[in-house]
Amino acid sequence: MRNLAFLLIALLVAGSACADTVEISDPREYFLKIRDAVFTTSEPVNAQLAVPEPAQLLPLTELSRAQTEYWVRFSVVNHTRENRWTLDTGNIIADQLVVHAQTGNRHQIARQGFQKLWPFDLRYGLPLELPSGSVTHLWVYIHSNVGASTPVFAILPQAEYQQKAFSYNTQ
């Protein structure tokens, strides 16, 4: 009985940790809302290897400049034939960015890490595989020594991201 109560509590916490699901119906750019999907953890988590357990999550109602590391979680349902996507993250200076994409029992990890120097290119693109007809849960770990700012996330097809990044960098 005690184990059942613990399991129910864990499921409630996990359910509250879920952001709105993004429904992808066309191969185009989608911006993601993160208002209720930002978390810190009660104890350190090795972001290179795993995502936080539900019992470790502490929701953040706002990002303070003192916050140097945090997690963002959202879910994506891909209704298109396009499987190769990019998570584009902007409006931050990140020393480390790690994305965990979980679809069923498949776990994909992508990383970016920079020491940004002038001129700042405040874009980070990480490849994602979003299987068609499946729900993918994304956990994004952001570490920044300069303090937190509210990131802007978008998901777009890989080919479109490469065109956008090329155009952005050549200006």
Protein backbone atom coordinates (compact mmCIF):
# COMPACT_ATOMS: atom_id res chain seq x y z
CA MET A 1 0.00 0.00 0.00
CA ARG A 2 2.84 2.37 0.87
CA ASN A 3 4.52 1.64 -2.48
CA LEU A 4 1.24 2.33 -4.28
CA ALA A 5 0.91 5.70 -2.53
CA PHE A 6 4.50 6.58 -3.49
CA LEU A 7 3.82 5.60 -7.11
CA LEU A 8 0.69 7.78 -7.25
CA ILE A 9 2.58 10.76 -5.83
CA ALA A 10 5.40 10.22 -8.35
CA LEU A 11 2.88 10.09 -11.21
CA LEU A 12 1.21 13.30 -10.03
CA VAL A 13 4.56 15.09 -9.87
CA ALA A 14 5.50 13.74 -13.32
CA GLY A 15 2.14 14.85 -14.70
CA SER A 16 2.60 18.34 -13.32
CA ALA A 17 6.05 18.42 -14.92
CA CYS A 18 4.56 18.02 -18.40
CA ALA A 19 4.27 21.10 -20.54
CA ASP A 20 1.69 21.51 -23.24
CA THR A 21 2.17 19.16 -26.15
CA VAL A 22 3.19 20.74 -29.45
CA GLU A 23 1.35 19.24 -32.42
CA ILE A 24 3.43 19.34 -35.61
CA SER A 25 1.16 19.13 -38.65
CA ASP A 26 3.31 20.79 -41.36
CA PRO A 27 7.08 20.79 -41.98
CA ARG A 28 7.60 24.41 -40.86
CA GLU A 29 8.92 26.34 -37.86
CA TYR A 30 7.07 26.03 -34.53
CA PHE A 31 7.81 28.23 -31.52
CA LEU A 32 7.47 26.56 -28.12
CA LYS A 33 5.94 28.02 -24.97
CA ILE A 34 7.94 27.31 -21.83
CA ARG A 35 6.11 29.35 -19.21
CA ASP A 36 5.18 26.38 -16.97
CA ALA A 37 7.93 24.03 -18.13
CA VAL A 38 11.08 25.36 -16.41
CA PHE A 39 12.61 23.44 -13.51
CA THR A 40 15.59 23.25 -11.27
CA THR A 41 16.46 20.16 -9.25
CA SER A 42 16.71 19.44 -5.55
CA GLU A 43 20.03 17.66 -6.11
CA PRO A 44 22.59 17.70 -8.95
CA VAL A 45 21.82 15.62 -12.04
CA ASN A 46 24.49 14.65 -14.59
CA ALA A 47 22.84 16.22 -17.65
CA GLN A 48 25.20 14.38 -19.99
CA LEU A 49 23.70 11.04 -18.94
CA ALA A 50 20.16 11.40 -17.60
CA VAL A 51 17.13 13.59 -17.01
CA PRO A 52 15.85 14.44 -13.52
CA GLU A 53 13.56 12.06 -11.68
CA PRO A 54 10.08 13.48 -10.88
CA ALA A 55 10.90 13.65 -7.16
CA GLN A 56 13.91 15.88 -7.90
CA LEU A 57 12.01 18.55 -9.84
CA LEU A 58 11.41 22.02 -8.44
CA PRO A 59 9.30 24.27 -10.73
CA LEU A 60 10.60 27.77 -11.43
CA THR A 61 7.96 30.44 -11.86
CA GLU A 62 10.53 32.85 -13.28
CA LEU A 63 14.20 32.76 -14.20
CA SER A 64 16.39 34.96 -12.02
CA ARG A 65 19.76 36.26 -13.19
CA ALA A 66 21.34 34.23 -10.38
CA GLN A 67 20.08 30.99 -11.94
CA THR A 68 23.00 29.42 -13.80
CA GLU A 69 21.44 26.05 -14.67
CA TYR A 70 17.92 24.84 -15.29
CA TRP A 71 15.83 22.30 -17.22
CA VAL A 72 13.02 22.92 -19.70
CA ARG A 73 10.56 20.17 -20.62
CA PHE A 74 7.99 19.86 -23.40
CA SER A 75 6.45 17.19 -25.60
CA VAL A 76 6.10 17.06 -29.38
CA VAL A 77 3.79 14.97 -31.57
CA ASN A 78 4.98 14.74 -35.17
CA HIS A 79 2.11 14.24 -37.65
CA THR A 80 4.32 14.81 -40.72
CA ARG A 81 6.55 12.54 -42.78
CA GLU A 82 9.55 14.69 -41.85
CA ASN A 83 11.67 12.89 -39.20
CA ARG A 84 14.79 15.10 -39.15
CA TRP A 85 14.25 18.30 -37.18
CA THR A 86 16.33 20.89 -35.34
CA LEU A 87 15.71 22.44 -31.95
CA ASP A 88 16.74 26.08 -32.39
CA THR A 89 17.46 27.90 -29.14
CA GLY A 90 17.99 31.64 -29.05
CA ASN A 91 18.12 34.61 -26.65
CA ILE A 92 20.64 32.91 -24.33
CA ILE A 93 24.38 32.61 -23.90
CA ALA A 94 24.89 28.98 -22.91
CA ASP A 95 28.12 27.34 -21.85
CA GLN A 96 26.39 24.00 -22.13
CA LEU A 97 23.16 22.92 -23.80
CA VAL A 98 22.05 19.26 -23.63
CA VAL A 99 18.85 17.92 -25.18
CA HIS A 100 17.36 14.55 -24.27
CA ALA A 101 14.70 13.30 -26.70
CA GLN A 102 12.70 10.31 -25.44
CA THR A 103 10.34 8.46 -27.78
CA GLY A 104 9.02 5.25 -26.23
CA ASN A 105 12.11 3.37 -25.06
CA ARG A 106 14.44 5.28 -27.41
CA HIS A 107 16.65 7.95 -25.84
CA GLN A 108 18.62 10.39 -28.00
CA ILE A 109 21.09 12.92 -26.57
CA ALA A 110 22.44 16.00 -28.40
CA ARG A 111 24.90 18.53 -26.97
CA GLN A 112 26.22 22.00 -27.69
CA GLY A 113 28.76 23.89 -25.66
CA PHE A 114 30.41 27.20 -26.39
CA GLN A 115 32.48 29.89 -24.87
CA LYS A 116 30.81 32.77 -26.67
CA LEU A 117 32.98 35.69 -27.69
CA TRP A 118 32.12 38.92 -29.47
CA PRO A 119 30.31 39.14 -31.84
CA PHE A 120 27.63 37.06 -30.18
CA ASP A 121 25.72 34.56 -32.26
CA LEU A 122 22.85 33.82 -29.92
CA ARG A 123 21.60 30.71 -31.79
CA TYR A 124 22.10 27.08 -30.91
CA GLY A 125 20.78 24.41 -33.24
CA LEU A 126 20.62 20.80 -32.11
CA PRO A 127 19.50 17.94 -34.36
CA LEU A 128 16.41 15.97 -33.33
CA GLU A 129 14.82 12.86 -34.68
CA LEU A 130 11.06 13.09 -34.22
CA PRO A 131 9.51 9.85 -35.50
CA SER A 132 6.31 10.34 -37.47
CA GLY A 133 3.13 9.55 -35.51
CA SER A 134 4.95 9.43 -32.16
CA VAL A 135 5.11 11.53 -29.00
CA THR A 136 8.63 12.69 -28.16
CA HIS A 137 9.41 14.15 -24.73
CA LEU A 138 12.19 16.73 -24.79
CA TRP A 139 14.30 17.71 -21.80
CA VAL A 140 16.64 20.65 -22.39
CA TYR A 141 19.40 21.37 -19.88
CA ILE A 142 20.87 24.87 -20.02
CA HIS A 143 23.98 25.97 -18.12
CA SER A 144 25.17 29.56 -18.38
CA ASN A 145 27.86 31.20 -16.28
CA VAL A 146 26.49 34.66 -17.13
CA GLY A 147 23.11 33.91 -15.55
CA ALA A 148 19.74 32.98 -16.91
CA SER A 149 17.67 34.71 -19.51
CA THR A 150 14.43 33.43 -21.00
CA PRO A 151 15.29 31.19 -23.96
CA VAL A 152 13.30 31.20 -27.18
CA PHE A 153 12.79 27.67 -28.54
CA ALA A 154 11.67 26.68 -32.02
CA ILE A 155 11.46 23.34 -33.81
CA LEU A 156 11.91 23.33 -37.56
CA PRO A 157 12.92 20.86 -40.27
CA GLN A 158 16.69 20.37 -40.50
CA ALA A 159 16.94 21.64 -44.09
CA GLU A 160 15.01 24.79 -43.19
CA TYR A 161 17.23 25.38 -40.14
CA GLN A 162 20.39 25.14 -42.26
CA GLN A 163 19.01 27.72 -44.70
CA LYS A 164 17.99 30.00 -41.81
CA ALA A 165 21.37 29.64 -40.06
CA PHE A 166 23.27 30.31 -43.30
CA SER A 167 21.16 33.39 -44.02
CA TYR A 168 21.56 34.61 -40.42
CA ASN A 169 25.35 34.11 -40.41
CA THR A 170 25.93 35.81 -43.76
CA GLN A 171 24.17 39.04 -42.77
